[in-house]
Amino acid sequence: MMDWLRENMWAGWLIVAAALGLAELASLDFTLLMLAAGALTAAGVAAFFPGLLWLQIVVGLVTAAAMLAAIRPMIVRKIHHGQELKTGSAHVIGRSGTVVKEIHPDGGGSIRLGGELWTARPYDDVSTIAPGTRVEVMSIDGATAVVYPVAEPLDRQLESTDPPQPNPTDPPQG
């Protein structure tokens, strides 16, 4: 058995790499995966230099250390610092919508948010928000969006963007 293992050390390194790879599936920390990469390089060295156990160990350790120092931090940063996945009603917090039915402090209003209708109430107990007003969702209370206005109602904006009427006393421009 020992003679076979000495002659087929590459198979032993592959078994170690596979065990570390499977253990990585349980931890998801990417540390064991880097060690598995070291064991794979040691298996490659063992295939070409079967009698040099010290060289297999050194190459495997250097590879694992390099992977831990250079590759693992990039992978962890990419996975853990990416955009956070929001699920449930939390995905609407911070999004903006339009008031469809006037929003009163006592409730009963509604907004259109990304094609969906949501019941809504104002963030404070005194505001009334008119239809057409752009609002932003501050939080979700049960199935009700708690909102605050971020712009005037659309009909008021249209009125304020009409071109100014010329003053009859101004000289003609031309």
N, C-alpha and C. Protein backbone atom coordinates (compact mmCIF):
# COMPACT_ATOMS: atom_id res chain seq x y z
N MET A 1 0.83 -1.19 0.00
CA MET A 1 0.00 0.00 0.00
C MET A 1 0.87 1.25 0.00
N MET A 2 1.88 1.28 0.86
CA MET A 2 2.77 2.45 0.93
C MET A 2 3.55 2.60 -0.37
N ASP A 3 3.95 1.48 -0.98
CA ASP A 3 4.67 1.57 -2.25
C ASP A 3 3.77 2.16 -3.32
N TRP A 4 2.52 1.74 -3.35
CA TRP A 4 1.59 2.27 -4.34
C TRP A 4 1.39 3.78 -4.14
N LEU A 5 1.26 4.18 -2.89
CA LEU A 5 1.06 5.59 -2.59
C LEU A 5 2.28 6.41 -3.00
N ARG A 6 3.49 5.88 -2.76
CA ARG A 6 4.70 6.59 -3.18
C ARG A 6 4.76 6.73 -4.69
N GLU A 7 4.35 5.69 -5.39
CA GLU A 7 4.38 5.71 -6.85
C GLU A 7 3.25 6.55 -7.46
N ASN A 8 2.16 6.67 -6.74
CA ASN A 8 1.00 7.40 -7.23
C ASN A 8 0.62 8.55 -6.29
N MET A 9 1.61 9.29 -5.88
CA MET A 9 1.38 10.39 -4.95
C MET A 9 0.41 11.41 -5.54
N TRP A 10 0.42 11.57 -6.85
CA TRP A 10 -0.49 12.51 -7.51
C TRP A 10 -1.94 12.18 -7.17
N ALA A 11 -2.27 10.88 -7.06
CA ALA A 11 -3.64 10.48 -6.74
C ALA A 11 -3.99 10.88 -5.30
N GLY A 12 -3.02 10.78 -4.41
CA GLY A 12 -3.24 11.20 -3.03
C GLY A 12 -3.50 12.70 -2.95
N TRP A 13 -2.73 13.49 -3.72
CA TRP A 13 -2.95 14.94 -3.74
C TRP A 13 -4.32 15.28 -4.35
N LEU A 14 -4.73 14.52 -5.36
CA LEU A 14 -6.06 14.75 -5.94
C LEU A 14 -7.17 14.45 -4.94
N ILE A 15 -6.97 13.41 -4.14
CA ILE A 15 -7.96 13.09 -3.10
C ILE A 15 -8.03 14.21 -2.07
N VAL A 16 -6.86 14.72 -1.68
CA VAL A 16 -6.83 15.85 -0.73
C VAL A 16 -7.52 17.07 -1.34
N ALA A 17 -7.24 17.36 -2.62
CA ALA A 17 -7.87 18.51 -3.30
C ALA A 17 -9.38 18.33 -3.37
N ALA A 18 -9.85 17.14 -3.68
CA ALA A 18 -11.29 16.89 -3.77
C ALA A 18 -11.94 17.03 -2.40
N ALA A 19 -11.29 16.52 -1.36
CA ALA A 19 -11.84 16.64 0.00
C ALA A 19 -11.93 18.11 0.41
N LEU A 20 -10.89 18.88 0.12
CA LEU A 20 -10.91 20.30 0.45
C LEU A 20 -11.98 21.04 -0.36
N GLY A 21 -12.14 20.67 -1.63
CA GLY A 21 -13.17 21.29 -2.46
C GLY A 21 -14.56 21.00 -1.94
N LEU A 22 -14.81 19.76 -1.51
CA LEU A 22 -16.11 19.41 -0.94
C LEU A 22 -16.34 20.12 0.39
N ALA A 23 -15.30 20.22 1.20
CA ALA A 23 -15.43 20.92 2.48
C ALA A 23 -15.71 22.41 2.24
N GLU A 24 -15.18 22.97 1.14
CA GLU A 24 -15.45 24.36 0.80
C GLU A 24 -16.93 24.61 0.57
N LEU A 25 -17.61 23.63 0.03
CA LEU A 25 -19.05 23.77 -0.20
C LEU A 25 -19.81 23.99 1.10
N ALA A 26 -19.29 23.49 2.19
CA ALA A 26 -19.94 23.68 3.49
C ALA A 26 -19.57 25.03 4.11
N SER A 27 -18.35 25.49 3.88
CA SER A 27 -17.91 26.72 4.54
C SER A 27 -18.18 27.98 3.72
N LEU A 28 -18.04 27.90 2.40
CA LEU A 28 -18.21 29.04 1.49
C LEU A 28 -17.37 30.25 1.91
N ASP A 29 -16.19 29.99 2.41
CA ASP A 29 -15.29 31.05 2.85
C ASP A 29 -14.15 31.26 1.86
N PHE A 30 -13.99 30.36 0.89
CA PHE A 30 -12.98 30.37 -0.15
C PHE A 30 -11.57 30.09 0.37
N THR A 31 -11.43 29.80 1.64
CA THR A 31 -10.11 29.44 2.16
C THR A 31 -9.76 28.02 1.76
N LEU A 32 -10.67 27.10 1.96
CA LEU A 32 -10.40 25.71 1.62
C LEU A 32 -10.25 25.53 0.11
N LEU A 33 -10.92 26.36 -0.67
CA LEU A 33 -10.78 26.30 -2.12
C LEU A 33 -9.36 26.67 -2.53
N MET A 34 -8.77 27.65 -1.87
CA MET A 34 -7.40 28.05 -2.17
C MET A 34 -6.41 26.94 -1.77
N LEU A 35 -6.71 26.28 -0.66
CA LEU A 35 -5.87 25.15 -0.25
C LEU A 35 -6.01 24.00 -1.23
N ALA A 36 -7.21 23.81 -1.76
CA ALA A 36 -7.43 22.76 -2.77
C ALA A 36 -6.62 23.07 -4.03
N ALA A 37 -6.51 24.34 -4.39
CA ALA A 37 -5.69 24.72 -5.54
C ALA A 37 -4.22 24.37 -5.29
N GLY A 38 -3.77 24.58 -4.07
CA GLY A 38 -2.41 24.18 -3.72
C GLY A 38 -2.21 22.67 -3.83
N ALA A 39 -3.21 21.90 -3.40
CA ALA A 39 -3.12 20.44 -3.51
C ALA A 39 -3.13 20.00 -4.97
N LEU A 40 -3.85 20.71 -5.81
CA LEU A 40 -3.87 20.37 -7.24
C LEU A 40 -2.50 20.62 -7.89
N THR A 41 -1.85 21.71 -7.53
CA THR A 41 -0.51 21.95 -8.08
C THR A 41 0.49 20.94 -7.54
N ALA A 42 0.30 20.54 -6.30
CA ALA A 42 1.17 19.50 -5.75
C ALA A 42 0.95 18.19 -6.50
N ALA A 43 -0.28 17.92 -6.91
CA ALA A 43 -0.57 16.71 -7.70
C ALA A 43 0.14 16.78 -9.05
N GLY A 44 0.16 17.97 -9.65
CA GLY A 44 0.89 18.13 -10.92
C GLY A 44 2.37 17.89 -10.75
N VAL A 45 2.94 18.43 -9.69
CA VAL A 45 4.36 18.22 -9.42
C VAL A 45 4.62 16.74 -9.16
N ALA A 46 3.73 16.07 -8.44
CA ALA A 46 3.89 14.65 -8.13
C ALA A 46 3.83 13.79 -9.38
N ALA A 47 3.07 14.23 -10.38
CA ALA A 47 2.99 13.46 -11.63
C ALA A 47 4.32 13.50 -12.38
N PHE A 48 5.03 14.65 -12.30
CA PHE A 48 6.31 14.77 -13.02
C PHE A 48 7.52 14.40 -12.17
N PHE A 49 7.42 14.61 -10.86
CA PHE A 49 8.52 14.30 -9.93
C PHE A 49 7.99 13.46 -8.78
N PRO A 50 7.66 12.19 -9.03
CA PRO A 50 7.01 11.37 -8.01
C PRO A 50 7.85 11.12 -6.75
N GLY A 51 9.14 11.18 -6.84
CA GLY A 51 9.98 10.89 -5.68
C GLY A 51 10.32 12.10 -4.84
N LEU A 52 9.93 13.29 -5.25
CA LEU A 52 10.32 14.50 -4.53
C LEU A 52 9.15 15.05 -3.71
N LEU A 53 8.88 14.41 -2.59
CA LEU A 53 7.77 14.83 -1.73
C LEU A 53 7.98 16.25 -1.22
N TRP A 54 9.20 16.61 -0.87
CA TRP A 54 9.45 17.95 -0.35
C TRP A 54 9.10 19.02 -1.38
N LEU A 55 9.41 18.75 -2.69
CA LEU A 55 9.09 19.70 -3.75
C LEU A 55 7.57 19.83 -3.92
N GLN A 56 6.86 18.71 -3.82
CA GLN A 56 5.40 18.73 -3.93
C GLN A 56 4.79 19.59 -2.82
N ILE A 57 5.29 19.40 -1.61
CA ILE A 57 4.77 20.16 -0.46
C ILE A 57 5.08 21.64 -0.61
N VAL A 58 6.32 21.98 -1.00
CA VAL A 58 6.71 23.39 -1.15
C VAL A 58 5.87 24.07 -2.24
N VAL A 59 5.75 23.43 -3.40
CA VAL A 59 4.97 24.03 -4.49
C VAL A 59 3.50 24.16 -4.08
N GLY A 60 2.95 23.16 -3.41
CA GLY A 60 1.56 23.22 -2.95
C GLY A 60 1.34 24.34 -1.94
N LEU A 61 2.27 24.49 -0.99
CA LEU A 61 2.15 25.55 0.01
C LEU A 61 2.31 26.94 -0.60
N VAL A 62 3.26 27.09 -1.51
CA VAL A 62 3.47 28.39 -2.15
C VAL A 62 2.24 28.76 -2.98
N THR A 63 1.69 27.81 -3.70
CA THR A 63 0.49 28.08 -4.49
C THR A 63 -0.68 28.45 -3.59
N ALA A 64 -0.89 27.68 -2.53
CA ALA A 64 -1.99 27.97 -1.61
C ALA A 64 -1.82 29.34 -0.97
N ALA A 65 -0.60 29.67 -0.55
CA ALA A 65 -0.35 30.98 0.07
C ALA A 65 -0.58 32.11 -0.93
N ALA A 66 -0.15 31.93 -2.17
CA ALA A 66 -0.36 32.96 -3.18
C ALA A 66 -1.85 33.13 -3.47
N MET A 67 -2.58 32.04 -3.54
CA MET A 67 -4.02 32.11 -3.78
C MET A 67 -4.72 32.80 -2.61
N LEU A 68 -4.32 32.46 -1.39
CA LEU A 68 -4.92 33.09 -0.21
C LEU A 68 -4.62 34.59 -0.15
N ALA A 69 -3.42 34.97 -0.57
CA ALA A 69 -3.03 36.37 -0.48
C ALA A 69 -3.53 37.22 -1.65
N ALA A 70 -3.59 36.64 -2.84
CA ALA A 70 -3.92 37.45 -4.02
C ALA A 70 -5.33 37.23 -4.55
N ILE A 71 -5.73 36.01 -4.69
CA ILE A 71 -7.01 35.72 -5.35
C ILE A 71 -8.19 35.77 -4.39
N ARG A 72 -8.06 35.18 -3.20
CA ARG A 72 -9.18 35.11 -2.27
C ARG A 72 -9.73 36.50 -1.90
N PRO A 73 -8.89 37.50 -1.59
CA PRO A 73 -9.44 38.81 -1.25
C PRO A 73 -10.28 39.41 -2.38
N MET A 74 -9.86 39.21 -3.63
CA MET A 74 -10.63 39.75 -4.76
C MET A 74 -11.98 39.05 -4.86
N ILE A 75 -12.00 37.74 -4.68
CA ILE A 75 -13.25 36.99 -4.77
C ILE A 75 -14.19 37.40 -3.64
N VAL A 76 -13.67 37.47 -2.43
CA VAL A 76 -14.50 37.84 -1.27
C VAL A 76 -15.05 39.25 -1.44
N ARG A 77 -14.23 40.17 -1.89
CA ARG A 77 -14.67 41.56 -2.08
C ARG A 77 -15.79 41.61 -3.13
N LYS A 78 -15.62 40.87 -4.20
CA LYS A 78 -16.61 40.86 -5.28
C LYS A 78 -17.93 40.27 -4.81
N ILE A 79 -17.88 39.23 -4.03
CA ILE A 79 -19.10 38.55 -3.59
C ILE A 79 -19.77 39.27 -2.43
N HIS A 80 -19.00 39.66 -1.43
CA HIS A 80 -19.60 40.23 -0.23
C HIS A 80 -19.87 41.72 -0.32
N HIS A 81 -19.25 42.43 -1.25
CA HIS A 81 -19.45 43.87 -1.33
C HIS A 81 -20.25 44.26 -2.57
N GLY A 82 -20.86 43.30 -3.18
CA GLY A 82 -21.71 43.59 -4.33
C GLY A 82 -23.02 44.21 -3.88
N GLN A 83 -23.87 44.44 -4.85
CA GLN A 83 -25.16 45.03 -4.53
C GLN A 83 -25.97 44.07 -3.69
N GLU A 84 -26.58 44.60 -2.65
CA GLU A 84 -27.37 43.78 -1.75
C GLU A 84 -28.69 43.41 -2.40
N LEU A 85 -29.05 42.15 -2.27
CA LEU A 85 -30.31 41.69 -2.81
C LEU A 85 -31.42 41.98 -1.83
N LYS A 86 -32.40 42.76 -2.28
CA LYS A 86 -33.53 43.09 -1.42
C LYS A 86 -34.70 42.21 -1.81
N THR A 87 -35.32 41.61 -0.83
CA THR A 87 -36.43 40.72 -1.10
C THR A 87 -37.69 41.23 -0.41
N GLY A 88 -38.82 40.68 -0.80
CA GLY A 88 -40.08 41.07 -0.18
C GLY A 88 -40.39 42.52 -0.47
N SER A 89 -41.06 43.16 0.47
CA SER A 89 -41.46 44.56 0.27
C SER A 89 -40.29 45.52 0.40
N ALA A 90 -39.16 45.07 0.92
CA ALA A 90 -38.00 45.95 1.10
C ALA A 90 -37.46 46.46 -0.24
N HIS A 91 -37.76 45.76 -1.33
CA HIS A 91 -37.23 46.19 -2.63
C HIS A 91 -37.82 47.50 -3.12
N VAL A 92 -38.92 47.97 -2.53
CA VAL A 92 -39.53 49.23 -2.97
C VAL A 92 -39.06 50.44 -2.16
N ILE A 93 -38.41 50.23 -1.05
CA ILE A 93 -37.94 51.35 -0.22
C ILE A 93 -36.90 52.15 -1.01
N GLY A 94 -37.13 53.46 -1.08
CA GLY A 94 -36.24 54.34 -1.83
C GLY A 94 -36.67 54.55 -3.27
N ARG A 95 -37.61 53.78 -3.75
CA ARG A 95 -38.09 53.96 -5.12
C ARG A 95 -39.13 55.08 -5.16
N SER A 96 -39.30 55.67 -6.32
CA SER A 96 -40.29 56.73 -6.45
C SER A 96 -41.46 56.26 -7.28
N GLY A 97 -42.61 56.88 -6.99
CA GLY A 97 -43.84 56.56 -7.68
C GLY A 97 -44.68 57.80 -7.82
N THR A 98 -45.90 57.63 -8.31
CA THR A 98 -46.81 58.75 -8.53
C THR A 98 -48.10 58.50 -7.77
N VAL A 99 -48.59 59.54 -7.11
CA VAL A 99 -49.84 59.43 -6.36
C VAL A 99 -50.99 59.29 -7.37
N VAL A 100 -51.80 58.26 -7.17
CA VAL A 100 -52.95 58.02 -8.03
C VAL A 100 -54.22 58.52 -7.35
N LYS A 101 -54.33 58.25 -6.06
CA LYS A 101 -55.49 58.68 -5.26
C LYS A 101 -54.94 59.47 -4.09
N GLU A 102 -55.52 60.65 -3.84
CA GLU A 102 -55.01 61.55 -2.80
C GLU A 102 -54.70 60.81 -1.51
N ILE A 103 -53.53 61.14 -0.94
CA ILE A 103 -53.07 60.49 0.27
C ILE A 103 -53.35 61.40 1.46
N HIS A 104 -54.09 60.88 2.43
CA HIS A 104 -54.44 61.61 3.65
C HIS A 104 -53.72 60.97 4.83
N PRO A 105 -53.55 61.71 5.92
CA PRO A 105 -52.93 61.13 7.11
C PRO A 105 -53.69 59.92 7.65
N ASP A 106 -55.02 59.89 7.43
CA ASP A 106 -55.79 58.75 7.93
C ASP A 106 -55.76 57.57 6.96
N GLY A 107 -54.99 57.68 5.87
CA GLY A 107 -54.85 56.58 4.92
C GLY A 107 -55.83 56.70 3.78
N GLY A 108 -55.95 55.63 3.02
CA GLY A 108 -56.89 55.58 1.93
C GLY A 108 -56.32 56.00 0.59
N GLY A 109 -55.11 56.53 0.54
CA GLY A 109 -54.51 56.94 -0.72
C GLY A 109 -53.82 55.77 -1.40
N SER A 110 -53.42 56.01 -2.64
CA SER A 110 -52.68 54.97 -3.35
C SER A 110 -51.67 55.59 -4.31
N ILE A 111 -50.63 54.82 -4.61
CA ILE A 111 -49.58 55.27 -5.53
C ILE A 111 -49.35 54.18 -6.57
N ARG A 112 -48.82 54.60 -7.72
CA ARG A 112 -48.37 53.65 -8.73
C ARG A 112 -46.86 53.60 -8.61
N LEU A 113 -46.38 52.39 -8.42
CA LEU A 113 -44.96 52.18 -8.18
C LEU A 113 -44.49 51.06 -9.09
N GLY A 114 -43.80 51.44 -10.16
CA GLY A 114 -43.29 50.44 -11.08
C GLY A 114 -44.38 49.56 -11.67
N GLY A 115 -45.51 50.14 -12.00
CA GLY A 115 -46.60 49.37 -12.60
C GLY A 115 -47.53 48.72 -11.60
N GLU A 116 -47.22 48.79 -10.33
CA GLU A 116 -48.07 48.19 -9.30
C GLU A 116 -48.78 49.30 -8.51
N LEU A 117 -49.99 49.02 -8.06
CA LEU A 117 -50.70 49.94 -7.18
C LEU A 117 -50.45 49.55 -5.74
N TRP A 118 -50.09 50.52 -4.92
CA TRP A 118 -49.84 50.31 -3.50
C TRP A 118 -50.72 51.27 -2.71
N THR A 119 -51.26 50.78 -1.59
CA THR A 119 -51.90 51.71 -0.67
C THR A 119 -50.79 52.51 -0.02
N ALA A 120 -51.10 53.76 0.31
CA ALA A 120 -50.05 54.62 0.83
C ALA A 120 -50.60 55.56 1.89
N ARG A 121 -49.69 56.00 2.75
CA ARG A 121 -50.00 57.04 3.72
C ARG A 121 -48.78 57.93 3.82
N PRO A 122 -48.98 59.20 4.25
CA PRO A 122 -47.83 60.11 4.34
C PRO A 122 -46.94 59.75 5.52
N TYR A 123 -45.70 60.18 5.44
CA TYR A 123 -44.72 59.88 6.50
C TYR A 123 -45.05 60.59 7.80
N ASP A 124 -45.81 61.71 7.74
CA ASP A 124 -46.18 62.41 8.97
C ASP A 124 -47.70 62.38 9.12
N ASP A 125 -48.19 62.90 10.22
CA ASP A 125 -49.62 62.84 10.51
C ASP A 125 -50.39 64.07 10.06
N VAL A 126 -49.76 64.96 9.28
CA VAL A 126 -50.45 66.20 8.89
C VAL A 126 -50.49 66.42 7.38
N SER A 127 -49.65 65.76 6.62
CA SER A 127 -49.56 66.02 5.19
C SER A 127 -50.68 65.36 4.41
N THR A 128 -51.13 66.07 3.38
CA THR A 128 -52.02 65.52 2.37
C THR A 128 -51.28 65.67 1.06
N ILE A 129 -51.21 64.58 0.28
CA ILE A 129 -50.44 64.60 -0.96
C ILE A 129 -51.41 64.41 -2.12
N ALA A 130 -51.38 65.36 -3.04
CA ALA A 130 -52.33 65.39 -4.16
C ALA A 130 -51.98 64.38 -5.24
N PRO A 131 -52.99 63.95 -6.01
CA PRO A 131 -52.74 63.05 -7.15
C PRO A 131 -51.78 63.71 -8.15
N GLY A 132 -50.94 62.90 -8.75
CA GLY A 132 -49.96 63.39 -9.71
C GLY A 132 -48.63 63.75 -9.09
N THR A 133 -48.57 63.82 -7.76
CA THR A 133 -47.32 64.18 -7.09
C THR A 133 -46.36 63.00 -7.11
N ARG A 134 -45.09 63.28 -7.40
CA ARG A 134 -44.05 62.26 -7.32
C ARG A 134 -43.71 62.06 -5.85
N VAL A 135 -43.67 60.82 -5.41
CA VAL A 135 -43.35 60.51 -4.02
C VAL A 135 -42.24 59.47 -3.98
N GLU A 136 -41.58 59.41 -2.85
CA GLU A 136 -40.57 58.38 -2.63
C GLU A 136 -40.99 57.54 -1.43
N VAL A 137 -40.76 56.24 -1.52
CA VAL A 137 -41.15 55.34 -0.45
C VAL A 137 -40.09 55.38 0.64
N MET A 138 -40.54 55.75 1.84
CA MET A 138 -39.64 55.87 2.99
C MET A 138 -39.53 54.54 3.74
N SER A 139 -40.68 53.84 3.86
CA SER A 139 -40.70 52.55 4.54
C SER A 139 -41.98 51.82 4.13
N ILE A 140 -42.07 50.60 4.59
CA ILE A 140 -43.27 49.79 4.35
C ILE A 140 -43.84 49.43 5.71
N ASP A 141 -45.13 49.68 5.89
CA ASP A 141 -45.82 49.36 7.14
C ASP A 141 -46.92 48.36 6.78
N GLY A 142 -46.65 47.08 7.01
CA GLY A 142 -47.58 46.04 6.58
C GLY A 142 -47.58 45.99 5.07
N ALA A 143 -48.74 46.32 4.46
CA ALA A 143 -48.84 46.37 3.00
C ALA A 143 -49.02 47.80 2.53
N THR A 144 -48.69 48.77 3.38
CA THR A 144 -48.87 50.18 3.06
C THR A 144 -47.51 50.85 2.90
N ALA A 145 -47.37 51.59 1.81
CA ALA A 145 -46.14 52.35 1.57
C ALA A 145 -46.23 53.66 2.33
N VAL A 146 -45.21 53.97 3.11
CA VAL A 146 -45.11 55.24 3.82
C VAL A 146 -44.27 56.15 2.93
N VAL A 147 -44.88 57.24 2.45
CA VAL A 147 -44.24 58.04 1.42
C VAL A 147 -44.10 59.50 1.80
N TYR A 148 -43.25 60.21 1.07
CA TYR A 148 -43.12 61.65 1.20
C TYR A 148 -42.98 62.24 -0.19
N PRO A 149 -43.49 63.45 -0.40
CA PRO A 149 -43.45 64.05 -1.75
C PRO A 149 -42.04 64.48 -2.11
N VAL A 150 -41.71 64.32 -3.38
CA VAL A 150 -40.41 64.77 -3.87
C VAL A 150 -40.56 65.80 -4.98
N ALA A 151 -41.80 66.04 -5.44
CA ALA A 151 -42.03 67.03 -6.48
C ALA A 151 -43.48 67.48 -6.43
N GLU A 152 -43.77 68.59 -7.11
CA GLU A 152 -45.14 69.08 -7.20
C GLU A 152 -45.95 68.14 -8.08
N PRO A 153 -47.27 68.18 -7.99
CA PRO A 153 -48.09 67.38 -8.90
C PRO A 153 -47.79 67.73 -10.35
N LEU A 154 -47.94 66.75 -11.22
CA LEU A 154 -47.61 66.95 -12.63
C LEU A 154 -48.42 68.08 -13.26
N ASP A 155 -49.72 68.21 -12.94
CA ASP A 155 -50.52 69.27 -13.53
C ASP A 155 -50.03 70.65 -13.09
N ARG A 156 -49.53 70.78 -11.87
CA ARG A 156 -48.98 72.06 -11.40
C ARG A 156 -47.66 72.36 -12.11
N GLN A 157 -46.87 71.31 -12.38
CA GLN A 157 -45.62 71.52 -13.09
C GLN A 157 -45.90 71.99 -14.50
N LEU A 158 -46.91 71.45 -15.15
CA LEU A 158 -47.24 71.86 -16.50
C LEU A 158 -47.67 73.32 -16.53
N GLU A 159 -48.44 73.71 -15.52
CA GLU A 159 -48.88 75.10 -15.47
C GLU A 159 -47.69 76.03 -15.31
N SER A 160 -46.70 75.63 -14.48
CA SER A 160 -45.57 76.52 -14.22
C SER A 160 -44.57 76.52 -15.35
N THR A 161 -44.65 75.55 -16.30
CA THR A 161 -43.69 75.52 -17.39
C THR A 161 -44.26 76.12 -18.67
N ASP A 162 -45.49 76.64 -18.63
CA ASP A 162 -46.05 77.30 -19.80
C ASP A 162 -45.17 78.51 -20.11
N PRO A 163 -44.98 78.80 -21.41
CA PRO A 163 -44.12 79.95 -21.74
C PRO A 163 -44.76 81.24 -21.24
N PRO A 164 -43.95 82.17 -20.79
CA PRO A 164 -44.50 83.43 -20.28
C PRO A 164 -45.18 84.20 -21.41
N GLN A 165 -46.29 84.85 -21.06
CA GLN A 165 -47.02 85.66 -22.01
C GLN A 165 -46.28 87.00 -22.19
N PRO A 166 -46.19 87.46 -23.43
CA PRO A 166 -45.48 88.74 -23.65
C PRO A 166 -46.23 89.90 -23.04
N ASN A 167 -45.48 90.81 -22.49
CA ASN A 167 -46.05 92.03 -21.90
C ASN A 167 -46.29 93.02 -23.04
N PRO A 168 -47.52 93.54 -23.16
CA PRO A 168 -47.81 94.45 -24.28
C PRO A 168 -46.96 95.71 -24.27
N THR A 169 -46.38 96.08 -23.14
CA THR A 169 -45.58 97.30 -23.10
C THR A 169 -44.13 97.06 -23.47
N ASP A 170 -43.72 95.77 -23.59
CA ASP A 170 -42.34 95.48 -23.99
C ASP A 170 -42.19 95.72 -25.49
N PRO A 171 -41.01 96.18 -25.92
CA PRO A 171 -40.80 96.38 -27.35
C PRO A 171 -40.75 95.03 -28.06
N PRO A 172 -41.21 94.95 -29.30
CA PRO A 172 -41.19 93.68 -30.03
C PRO A 172 -39.75 93.21 -30.27
N GLN A 173 -39.59 91.88 -30.17
CA GLN A 173 -38.25 91.31 -30.37
C GLN A 173 -38.18 90.76 -31.79
N GLY A 174 -37.08 90.87 -32.40
CA GLY A 174 -37.02 90.41 -33.76
C GLY A 174 -35.72 90.37 -34.29
